[in-house]
Amino acid sequence: MAGRLTVQIARLLGAGRVVATGRDDAQLRELEELGADGVINTSLPDDDLLRAYRDTAPDGYDVIADYLWGRPTDVLLRALVPDSFAFGKRARLIQIGELAGADVVLPAASLRTSGLEIVGAASGLTAETIAEAFDQVVAWTRSGDLSFPVETVRLRDIEEAWQRTDLRGRRLVVTP
């Protein structure tokens, strides 16, 4: 769900190129349908994944919303290092989650020459900026510019709904 929203919001904010990553080919196809220009399956072997990161965005990345961390980010950090002596394009990696692991290896070269800046998802947030972002998301949702799949369940069925494993990216909305 977060990836779906991220792709759509990146587009709404004017991103020129959006690349999505994940391990599920069906979900990656859905992200392309939502507007991702490229997708990368992170289950590739390390060398193939490194090549995919570079090939999918040959001009580099401006902003990386990282929900995975762990191995996929380890490989991404290596992919950001230029092959020859050159200064890489500035890239801001926003660390959001750790679905693929809690730790990464941070090669010194990825900071020295890649232009990489790593920030946490809450960096610089205030109550006001959170409220503004929430209001914007609500406005996009109301206008139909931002969509996400939901499944409505009655409150009396919540126990059964809570046990479901077939939602695949849909969110439960409980009604009286």
N, C-alpha and C. Protein backbone atom coordinates (compact mmCIF):
# COMPACT_ATOMS: atom_id res chain seq x y z
N MET A 1 0.82 -1.19 0.00
CA MET A 1 0.00 0.00 0.00
C MET A 1 0.87 1.26 0.00
N ALA A 2 1.90 1.27 0.82
CA ALA A 2 2.75 2.46 0.90
C ALA A 2 3.42 2.75 -0.44
N GLY A 3 3.87 1.70 -1.13
CA GLY A 3 4.50 1.89 -2.43
C GLY A 3 3.52 2.47 -3.44
N ARG A 4 2.29 1.99 -3.42
CA ARG A 4 1.27 2.51 -4.34
C ARG A 4 1.05 4.00 -4.10
N LEU A 5 0.95 4.37 -2.83
CA LEU A 5 0.74 5.78 -2.50
C LEU A 5 1.97 6.61 -2.87
N THR A 6 3.15 6.08 -2.63
CA THR A 6 4.37 6.81 -2.93
C THR A 6 4.50 7.10 -4.42
N VAL A 7 4.21 6.11 -5.26
CA VAL A 7 4.29 6.32 -6.71
C VAL A 7 3.32 7.43 -7.13
N GLN A 8 2.09 7.35 -6.65
CA GLN A 8 1.09 8.35 -7.03
C GLN A 8 1.44 9.74 -6.52
N ILE A 9 1.89 9.82 -5.27
CA ILE A 9 2.22 11.12 -4.69
C ILE A 9 3.44 11.71 -5.37
N ALA A 10 4.43 10.88 -5.71
CA ALA A 10 5.60 11.38 -6.43
C ALA A 10 5.17 12.04 -7.74
N ARG A 11 4.26 11.38 -8.44
CA ARG A 11 3.73 11.95 -9.70
C ARG A 11 3.00 13.26 -9.44
N LEU A 12 2.16 13.28 -8.41
CA LEU A 12 1.39 14.49 -8.10
C LEU A 12 2.29 15.65 -7.69
N LEU A 13 3.45 15.33 -7.13
CA LEU A 13 4.40 16.37 -6.73
C LEU A 13 5.34 16.78 -7.86
N GLY A 14 5.18 16.14 -9.03
CA GLY A 14 5.94 16.54 -10.20
C GLY A 14 7.20 15.77 -10.48
N ALA A 15 7.36 14.59 -9.90
CA ALA A 15 8.55 13.78 -10.18
C ALA A 15 8.64 13.48 -11.67
N GLY A 16 9.83 13.62 -12.23
CA GLY A 16 10.03 13.37 -13.65
C GLY A 16 10.13 11.90 -13.98
N ARG A 17 10.73 11.13 -13.11
CA ARG A 17 10.91 9.69 -13.32
C ARG A 17 10.72 9.00 -11.98
N VAL A 18 9.91 7.96 -11.96
CA VAL A 18 9.63 7.23 -10.73
C VAL A 18 10.02 5.77 -10.94
N VAL A 19 10.85 5.25 -10.04
CA VAL A 19 11.28 3.86 -10.08
C VAL A 19 10.82 3.20 -8.78
N ALA A 20 10.16 2.06 -8.89
CA ALA A 20 9.66 1.34 -7.72
C ALA A 20 10.40 0.01 -7.58
N THR A 21 10.55 -0.43 -6.35
CA THR A 21 11.21 -1.71 -6.09
C THR A 21 10.32 -2.60 -5.24
N GLY A 22 10.58 -3.88 -5.30
CA GLY A 22 9.85 -4.85 -4.49
C GLY A 22 10.22 -6.25 -4.92
N ARG A 23 9.62 -7.24 -4.28
CA ARG A 23 9.93 -8.63 -4.58
C ARG A 23 8.83 -9.35 -5.32
N ASP A 24 7.66 -8.75 -5.42
CA ASP A 24 6.49 -9.41 -5.99
C ASP A 24 6.23 -8.83 -7.39
N ASP A 25 6.41 -9.66 -8.42
CA ASP A 25 6.25 -9.20 -9.80
C ASP A 25 4.85 -8.66 -10.08
N ALA A 26 3.82 -9.28 -9.50
CA ALA A 26 2.45 -8.80 -9.73
C ALA A 26 2.27 -7.41 -9.14
N GLN A 27 2.79 -7.19 -7.96
CA GLN A 27 2.69 -5.86 -7.35
C GLN A 27 3.53 -4.84 -8.12
N LEU A 28 4.67 -5.25 -8.62
CA LEU A 28 5.49 -4.34 -9.42
C LEU A 28 4.76 -3.93 -10.70
N ARG A 29 4.04 -4.86 -11.33
CA ARG A 29 3.23 -4.51 -12.50
C ARG A 29 2.15 -3.50 -12.14
N GLU A 30 1.54 -3.67 -10.96
CA GLU A 30 0.53 -2.71 -10.50
C GLU A 30 1.15 -1.32 -10.32
N LEU A 31 2.37 -1.26 -9.83
CA LEU A 31 3.04 0.02 -9.64
C LEU A 31 3.33 0.69 -10.98
N GLU A 32 3.65 -0.12 -12.00
CA GLU A 32 3.82 0.45 -13.34
C GLU A 32 2.50 1.02 -13.85
N GLU A 33 1.41 0.30 -13.60
CA GLU A 33 0.09 0.78 -14.01
C GLU A 33 -0.28 2.09 -13.31
N LEU A 34 0.24 2.28 -12.10
CA LEU A 34 -0.04 3.51 -11.35
C LEU A 34 0.87 4.67 -11.75
N GLY A 35 1.87 4.40 -12.61
CA GLY A 35 2.70 5.49 -13.09
C GLY A 35 4.18 5.35 -12.89
N ALA A 36 4.66 4.24 -12.31
CA ALA A 36 6.11 4.05 -12.18
C ALA A 36 6.71 3.86 -13.58
N ASP A 37 7.80 4.56 -13.85
CA ASP A 37 8.47 4.45 -15.15
C ASP A 37 9.30 3.19 -15.25
N GLY A 38 9.75 2.71 -14.11
CA GLY A 38 10.55 1.51 -14.08
C GLY A 38 10.34 0.79 -12.77
N VAL A 39 10.54 -0.52 -12.79
CA VAL A 39 10.44 -1.31 -11.56
C VAL A 39 11.65 -2.23 -11.48
N ILE A 40 12.04 -2.53 -10.27
CA ILE A 40 13.18 -3.40 -10.03
C ILE A 40 12.78 -4.45 -9.00
N ASN A 41 12.97 -5.72 -9.36
CA ASN A 41 12.70 -6.79 -8.43
C ASN A 41 13.95 -6.98 -7.57
N THR A 42 13.84 -6.72 -6.28
CA THR A 42 15.00 -6.76 -5.38
C THR A 42 15.43 -8.17 -5.02
N SER A 43 14.73 -9.19 -5.52
CA SER A 43 15.16 -10.56 -5.24
C SER A 43 16.27 -11.02 -6.20
N LEU A 44 16.65 -10.14 -7.13
CA LEU A 44 17.76 -10.47 -8.04
C LEU A 44 19.05 -10.70 -7.26
N PRO A 45 19.98 -11.48 -7.79
CA PRO A 45 21.30 -11.59 -7.17
C PRO A 45 21.96 -10.20 -7.11
N ASP A 46 22.87 -10.01 -6.17
CA ASP A 46 23.46 -8.69 -5.92
C ASP A 46 23.99 -7.99 -7.16
N ASP A 47 24.78 -8.68 -7.98
CA ASP A 47 25.35 -8.03 -9.17
C ASP A 47 24.28 -7.60 -10.15
N ASP A 48 23.25 -8.44 -10.33
CA ASP A 48 22.14 -8.10 -11.22
C ASP A 48 21.32 -6.94 -10.65
N LEU A 49 21.14 -6.93 -9.35
CA LEU A 49 20.40 -5.85 -8.71
C LEU A 49 21.14 -4.53 -8.84
N LEU A 50 22.45 -4.57 -8.63
CA LEU A 50 23.27 -3.36 -8.79
C LEU A 50 23.14 -2.81 -10.21
N ARG A 51 23.22 -3.69 -11.17
CA ARG A 51 23.09 -3.29 -12.58
C ARG A 51 21.69 -2.73 -12.85
N ALA A 52 20.66 -3.35 -12.27
CA ALA A 52 19.29 -2.87 -12.47
C ALA A 52 19.11 -1.47 -11.88
N TYR A 53 19.67 -1.23 -10.70
CA TYR A 53 19.58 0.12 -10.12
C TYR A 53 20.21 1.15 -11.06
N ARG A 54 21.36 0.81 -11.61
CA ARG A 54 22.05 1.77 -12.50
C ARG A 54 21.33 1.90 -13.84
N ASP A 55 20.91 0.79 -14.41
CA ASP A 55 20.28 0.83 -15.74
C ASP A 55 18.90 1.49 -15.72
N THR A 56 18.17 1.32 -14.64
CA THR A 56 16.81 1.85 -14.57
C THR A 56 16.79 3.36 -14.38
N ALA A 57 17.84 3.90 -13.81
CA ALA A 57 17.94 5.36 -13.63
C ALA A 57 19.37 5.78 -13.97
N PRO A 58 19.72 5.76 -15.25
CA PRO A 58 21.10 6.04 -15.64
C PRO A 58 21.60 7.43 -15.23
N ASP A 59 20.69 8.37 -15.03
CA ASP A 59 21.08 9.70 -14.57
C ASP A 59 21.06 9.82 -13.06
N GLY A 60 20.86 8.73 -12.37
CA GLY A 60 20.84 8.74 -10.91
C GLY A 60 19.46 8.99 -10.35
N TYR A 61 19.42 9.12 -9.06
CA TYR A 61 18.17 9.31 -8.34
C TYR A 61 18.22 10.65 -7.60
N ASP A 62 17.10 11.35 -7.56
CA ASP A 62 17.02 12.59 -6.79
C ASP A 62 16.57 12.29 -5.37
N VAL A 63 15.46 11.57 -5.26
CA VAL A 63 14.88 11.23 -3.97
C VAL A 63 14.59 9.74 -3.96
N ILE A 64 14.96 9.08 -2.87
CA ILE A 64 14.72 7.65 -2.70
C ILE A 64 13.89 7.48 -1.43
N ALA A 65 12.68 6.98 -1.56
CA ALA A 65 11.84 6.67 -0.40
C ALA A 65 12.09 5.20 -0.08
N ASP A 66 12.86 4.95 0.96
CA ASP A 66 13.33 3.60 1.26
C ASP A 66 12.52 2.94 2.37
N TYR A 67 11.64 2.04 1.96
CA TYR A 67 10.83 1.27 2.90
C TYR A 67 11.51 -0.05 3.25
N LEU A 68 12.57 -0.42 2.53
CA LEU A 68 13.14 -1.75 2.65
C LEU A 68 14.35 -1.81 3.58
N TRP A 69 15.33 -0.95 3.37
CA TRP A 69 16.61 -0.96 4.08
C TRP A 69 17.24 -2.32 3.86
N GLY A 70 18.10 -2.81 4.71
CA GLY A 70 18.71 -4.12 4.57
C GLY A 70 19.45 -4.31 3.25
N ARG A 71 19.46 -5.53 2.75
CA ARG A 71 20.21 -5.90 1.55
C ARG A 71 19.91 -5.04 0.33
N PRO A 72 18.64 -4.74 -0.02
CA PRO A 72 18.41 -3.91 -1.20
C PRO A 72 19.08 -2.55 -1.11
N THR A 73 19.11 -1.98 0.08
CA THR A 73 19.75 -0.67 0.26
C THR A 73 21.26 -0.82 0.24
N ASP A 74 21.80 -1.90 0.80
CA ASP A 74 23.24 -2.16 0.69
C ASP A 74 23.68 -2.09 -0.77
N VAL A 75 22.95 -2.79 -1.62
CA VAL A 75 23.30 -2.84 -3.04
C VAL A 75 23.07 -1.47 -3.69
N LEU A 76 22.00 -0.80 -3.35
CA LEU A 76 21.74 0.54 -3.88
C LEU A 76 22.87 1.50 -3.53
N LEU A 77 23.35 1.46 -2.30
CA LEU A 77 24.44 2.35 -1.89
C LEU A 77 25.68 2.12 -2.75
N ARG A 78 25.95 0.86 -3.08
CA ARG A 78 27.09 0.56 -3.97
C ARG A 78 26.81 1.06 -5.38
N ALA A 79 25.55 0.97 -5.83
CA ALA A 79 25.19 1.41 -7.18
C ALA A 79 25.33 2.92 -7.34
N LEU A 80 25.21 3.66 -6.27
CA LEU A 80 25.31 5.12 -6.34
C LEU A 80 26.74 5.63 -6.50
N VAL A 81 27.71 4.78 -6.21
CA VAL A 81 29.11 5.18 -6.31
C VAL A 81 29.52 5.19 -7.79
N PRO A 82 30.04 6.32 -8.28
CA PRO A 82 30.46 6.38 -9.70
C PRO A 82 31.56 5.37 -10.00
N ASP A 83 31.56 4.86 -11.24
CA ASP A 83 32.58 3.89 -11.66
C ASP A 83 33.94 4.53 -11.85
N SER A 84 33.96 5.80 -12.20
CA SER A 84 35.23 6.50 -12.40
C SER A 84 35.25 7.72 -11.49
N PHE A 85 36.39 8.38 -11.43
CA PHE A 85 36.47 9.54 -10.57
C PHE A 85 35.55 10.62 -11.10
N ALA A 86 34.48 10.81 -10.40
CA ALA A 86 33.51 11.83 -10.75
C ALA A 86 32.65 12.05 -9.51
N PHE A 87 32.06 13.18 -9.44
CA PHE A 87 31.17 13.42 -8.32
C PHE A 87 29.76 13.09 -8.75
N GLY A 88 29.13 12.25 -7.99
CA GLY A 88 27.80 11.82 -8.33
C GLY A 88 26.76 12.90 -8.11
N LYS A 89 25.64 12.68 -8.68
CA LYS A 89 24.49 13.58 -8.54
C LYS A 89 23.97 13.49 -7.10
N ARG A 90 23.58 14.62 -6.55
CA ARG A 90 23.02 14.61 -5.20
C ARG A 90 21.77 13.74 -5.18
N ALA A 91 21.70 12.87 -4.18
CA ALA A 91 20.54 11.98 -4.00
C ALA A 91 20.17 12.00 -2.52
N ARG A 92 18.91 12.21 -2.24
CA ARG A 92 18.42 12.19 -0.86
C ARG A 92 17.69 10.88 -0.64
N LEU A 93 18.19 10.07 0.29
CA LEU A 93 17.56 8.81 0.66
C LEU A 93 16.78 9.06 1.95
N ILE A 94 15.47 8.87 1.88
CA ILE A 94 14.62 9.04 3.05
C ILE A 94 14.34 7.65 3.61
N GLN A 95 14.88 7.39 4.79
CA GLN A 95 14.75 6.08 5.41
C GLN A 95 13.41 6.02 6.13
N ILE A 96 12.52 5.12 5.65
CA ILE A 96 11.16 5.04 6.15
C ILE A 96 10.90 3.75 6.92
N GLY A 97 11.39 2.63 6.38
CA GLY A 97 11.10 1.34 7.00
C GLY A 97 12.25 0.38 6.86
N GLU A 98 12.04 -0.82 7.35
CA GLU A 98 13.10 -1.83 7.32
C GLU A 98 12.54 -3.21 7.03
N LEU A 99 11.70 -3.28 6.00
CA LEU A 99 11.08 -4.56 5.64
C LEU A 99 12.09 -5.63 5.25
N ALA A 100 13.25 -5.23 4.74
CA ALA A 100 14.26 -6.21 4.30
C ALA A 100 15.40 -6.35 5.30
N GLY A 101 15.36 -5.64 6.41
CA GLY A 101 16.41 -5.77 7.40
C GLY A 101 16.66 -4.45 8.12
N ALA A 102 17.19 -4.57 9.34
CA ALA A 102 17.39 -3.40 10.19
C ALA A 102 18.74 -2.73 9.98
N ASP A 103 19.66 -3.38 9.29
CA ASP A 103 21.02 -2.86 9.16
C ASP A 103 21.43 -2.75 7.70
N VAL A 104 22.33 -1.81 7.43
CA VAL A 104 22.98 -1.70 6.12
C VAL A 104 24.47 -1.51 6.34
N VAL A 105 25.23 -1.83 5.30
CA VAL A 105 26.65 -1.52 5.28
C VAL A 105 26.77 -0.21 4.52
N LEU A 106 27.43 0.76 5.11
CA LEU A 106 27.55 2.08 4.51
C LEU A 106 28.99 2.29 4.04
N PRO A 107 29.24 2.00 2.75
CA PRO A 107 30.60 2.20 2.24
C PRO A 107 30.95 3.69 2.26
N ALA A 108 32.16 4.00 2.68
CA ALA A 108 32.59 5.40 2.76
C ALA A 108 32.44 6.09 1.41
N ALA A 109 32.73 5.38 0.32
CA ALA A 109 32.65 5.98 -1.01
C ALA A 109 31.23 6.42 -1.35
N SER A 110 30.22 5.75 -0.76
CA SER A 110 28.85 6.14 -1.08
C SER A 110 28.52 7.51 -0.50
N LEU A 111 29.24 7.94 0.49
CA LEU A 111 29.06 9.30 1.03
C LEU A 111 30.03 10.28 0.38
N ARG A 112 31.24 9.83 0.12
CA ARG A 112 32.28 10.71 -0.41
C ARG A 112 32.01 11.18 -1.82
N THR A 113 31.58 10.27 -2.69
CA THR A 113 31.51 10.62 -4.11
C THR A 113 30.13 10.54 -4.73
N SER A 114 29.17 10.00 -4.01
CA SER A 114 27.87 9.80 -4.64
C SER A 114 26.93 10.99 -4.50
N GLY A 115 27.23 11.89 -3.61
CA GLY A 115 26.29 12.98 -3.35
C GLY A 115 25.14 12.55 -2.47
N LEU A 116 25.27 11.40 -1.83
CA LEU A 116 24.20 10.83 -1.03
C LEU A 116 23.99 11.59 0.27
N GLU A 117 22.72 11.84 0.57
CA GLU A 117 22.31 12.40 1.85
C GLU A 117 21.24 11.47 2.40
N ILE A 118 21.41 11.00 3.62
CA ILE A 118 20.46 10.09 4.24
C ILE A 118 19.75 10.82 5.37
N VAL A 119 18.42 10.80 5.33
CA VAL A 119 17.62 11.43 6.39
C VAL A 119 16.53 10.46 6.82
N GLY A 120 16.09 10.62 8.04
CA GLY A 120 14.97 9.82 8.54
C GLY A 120 13.65 10.41 8.07
N ALA A 121 12.63 9.58 8.01
CA ALA A 121 11.33 10.01 7.49
C ALA A 121 10.75 11.17 8.27
N ALA A 122 11.07 11.29 9.55
CA ALA A 122 10.49 12.36 10.36
C ALA A 122 11.38 13.61 10.40
N SER A 123 12.47 13.58 9.66
CA SER A 123 13.41 14.71 9.68
C SER A 123 12.73 16.00 9.23
N GLY A 124 12.77 16.99 10.08
CA GLY A 124 12.23 18.30 9.73
C GLY A 124 10.72 18.43 9.84
N LEU A 125 10.04 17.38 10.27
CA LEU A 125 8.59 17.45 10.37
C LEU A 125 8.16 18.24 11.60
N THR A 126 7.10 18.98 11.44
CA THR A 126 6.47 19.69 12.54
C THR A 126 4.99 19.36 12.51
N ALA A 127 4.28 19.72 13.55
CA ALA A 127 2.84 19.49 13.57
C ALA A 127 2.17 20.20 12.40
N GLU A 128 2.69 21.37 12.04
CA GLU A 128 2.11 22.14 10.94
C GLU A 128 2.35 21.46 9.59
N THR A 129 3.56 20.98 9.35
CA THR A 129 3.84 20.35 8.06
C THR A 129 3.08 19.03 7.93
N ILE A 130 2.93 18.32 9.04
CA ILE A 130 2.16 17.07 9.00
C ILE A 130 0.70 17.39 8.67
N ALA A 131 0.15 18.42 9.29
CA ALA A 131 -1.24 18.80 9.03
C ALA A 131 -1.41 19.23 7.57
N GLU A 132 -0.46 19.98 7.04
CA GLU A 132 -0.53 20.41 5.63
C GLU A 132 -0.48 19.21 4.70
N ALA A 133 0.42 18.27 4.98
CA ALA A 133 0.53 17.07 4.13
C ALA A 133 -0.76 16.25 4.21
N PHE A 134 -1.31 16.11 5.39
CA PHE A 134 -2.55 15.36 5.55
C PHE A 134 -3.67 16.03 4.75
N ASP A 135 -3.78 17.34 4.86
CA ASP A 135 -4.82 18.06 4.12
C ASP A 135 -4.64 17.87 2.61
N GLN A 136 -3.39 17.88 2.14
CA GLN A 136 -3.14 17.69 0.71
C GLN A 136 -3.55 16.29 0.26
N VAL A 137 -3.21 15.28 1.05
CA VAL A 137 -3.58 13.91 0.72
C VAL A 137 -5.10 13.76 0.68
N VAL A 138 -5.78 14.34 1.64
CA VAL A 138 -7.25 14.29 1.66
C VAL A 138 -7.81 14.96 0.41
N ALA A 139 -7.27 16.13 0.04
CA ALA A 139 -7.75 16.83 -1.15
C ALA A 139 -7.53 16.00 -2.40
N TRP A 140 -6.36 15.39 -2.55
CA TRP A 140 -6.08 14.53 -3.71
C TRP A 140 -7.03 13.34 -3.74
N THR A 141 -7.31 12.78 -2.57
CA THR A 141 -8.21 11.62 -2.49
C THR A 141 -9.62 12.03 -2.89
N ARG A 142 -10.09 13.14 -2.38
CA ARG A 142 -11.44 13.61 -2.71
C ARG A 142 -11.58 13.93 -4.20
N SER A 143 -10.51 14.46 -4.79
CA SER A 143 -10.58 14.81 -6.22
C SER A 143 -10.42 13.60 -7.13
N GLY A 144 -9.98 12.47 -6.55
CA GLY A 144 -9.76 11.26 -7.35
C GLY A 144 -8.35 11.17 -7.92
N ASP A 145 -7.50 12.16 -7.63
CA ASP A 145 -6.12 12.12 -8.12
C ASP A 145 -5.28 11.06 -7.39
N LEU A 146 -5.68 10.74 -6.18
CA LEU A 146 -4.98 9.74 -5.37
C LEU A 146 -6.00 8.68 -5.00
N SER A 147 -5.65 7.44 -5.30
CA SER A 147 -6.60 6.36 -4.99
C SER A 147 -5.87 5.21 -4.33
N PHE A 148 -6.60 4.48 -3.56
CA PHE A 148 -6.07 3.29 -2.92
C PHE A 148 -7.21 2.32 -2.70
N PRO A 149 -6.93 1.04 -2.87
CA PRO A 149 -8.00 0.03 -2.75
C PRO A 149 -8.39 -0.20 -1.29
N VAL A 150 -9.69 -0.24 -1.06
CA VAL A 150 -10.20 -0.53 0.28
C VAL A 150 -11.22 -1.65 0.20
N GLU A 151 -11.42 -2.29 1.31
CA GLU A 151 -12.46 -3.30 1.45
C GLU A 151 -13.26 -2.92 2.69
N THR A 152 -14.54 -2.75 2.49
CA THR A 152 -15.41 -2.34 3.59
C THR A 152 -15.95 -3.57 4.30
N VAL A 153 -15.89 -3.53 5.62
CA VAL A 153 -16.45 -4.61 6.44
C VAL A 153 -17.32 -4.00 7.53
N ARG A 154 -18.33 -4.72 7.90
CA ARG A 154 -19.20 -4.27 8.99
C ARG A 154 -18.50 -4.50 10.32
N LEU A 155 -18.76 -3.64 11.26
CA LEU A 155 -18.14 -3.75 12.58
C LEU A 155 -18.42 -5.12 13.20
N ARG A 156 -19.60 -5.66 13.00
CA ARG A 156 -19.93 -6.96 13.58
C ARG A 156 -19.06 -8.09 13.00
N ASP A 157 -18.41 -7.84 11.82
CA ASP A 157 -17.56 -8.85 11.18
C ASP A 157 -16.07 -8.60 11.39
N ILE A 158 -15.74 -7.71 12.30
CA ILE A 158 -14.35 -7.29 12.46
C ILE A 158 -13.43 -8.44 12.89
N GLU A 159 -13.91 -9.32 13.75
CA GLU A 159 -13.05 -10.43 14.19
C GLU A 159 -12.62 -11.30 13.01
N GLU A 160 -13.58 -11.63 12.17
CA GLU A 160 -13.27 -12.42 10.98
C GLU A 160 -12.38 -11.63 10.01
N ALA A 161 -12.69 -10.37 9.81
CA ALA A 161 -11.92 -9.53 8.88
C ALA A 161 -10.48 -9.40 9.35
N TRP A 162 -10.27 -9.31 10.64
CA TRP A 162 -8.93 -9.13 11.19
C TRP A 162 -8.03 -10.33 10.88
N GLN A 163 -8.62 -11.48 10.69
CA GLN A 163 -7.86 -12.71 10.42
C GLN A 163 -7.55 -12.91 8.94
N ARG A 164 -8.10 -12.09 8.07
CA ARG A 164 -7.95 -12.29 6.63
C ARG A 164 -6.51 -12.09 6.18
N THR A 165 -6.13 -12.90 5.22
CA THR A 165 -4.78 -12.79 4.65
C THR A 165 -4.83 -12.57 3.14
N ASP A 166 -6.01 -12.30 2.60
CA ASP A 166 -6.18 -12.18 1.15
C ASP A 166 -6.32 -10.73 0.68
N LEU A 167 -6.00 -9.78 1.51
CA LEU A 167 -6.27 -8.37 1.16
C LEU A 167 -5.28 -7.81 0.13
N ARG A 168 -4.07 -8.30 0.09
CA ARG A 168 -3.08 -7.92 -0.92
C ARG A 168 -3.09 -6.43 -1.27
N GLY A 169 -2.73 -5.60 -0.29
CA GLY A 169 -2.62 -4.17 -0.55
C GLY A 169 -3.89 -3.38 -0.30
N ARG A 170 -5.00 -4.05 -0.13
CA ARG A 170 -6.25 -3.34 0.18
C ARG A 170 -6.28 -3.07 1.69
N ARG A 171 -6.92 -1.99 2.06
CA ARG A 171 -7.06 -1.64 3.47
C ARG A 171 -8.50 -1.86 3.90
N LEU A 172 -8.66 -2.33 5.12
CA LEU A 172 -9.99 -2.53 5.66
C LEU A 172 -10.55 -1.20 6.16
N VAL A 173 -11.79 -0.93 5.81
CA VAL A 173 -12.53 0.21 6.33
C VAL A 173 -13.72 -0.38 7.07
N VAL A 174 -13.80 -0.08 8.36
CA VAL A 174 -14.85 -0.65 9.20
C VAL A 174 -16.02 0.32 9.25
N THR A 175 -17.22 -0.20 8.98
CA THR A 175 -18.44 0.62 9.04
C THR A 175 -19.36 0.07 10.12
N PRO A 176 -20.20 0.94 10.68
CA PRO A 176 -21.12 0.48 11.73
C PRO A 176 -22.11 -0.55 11.23
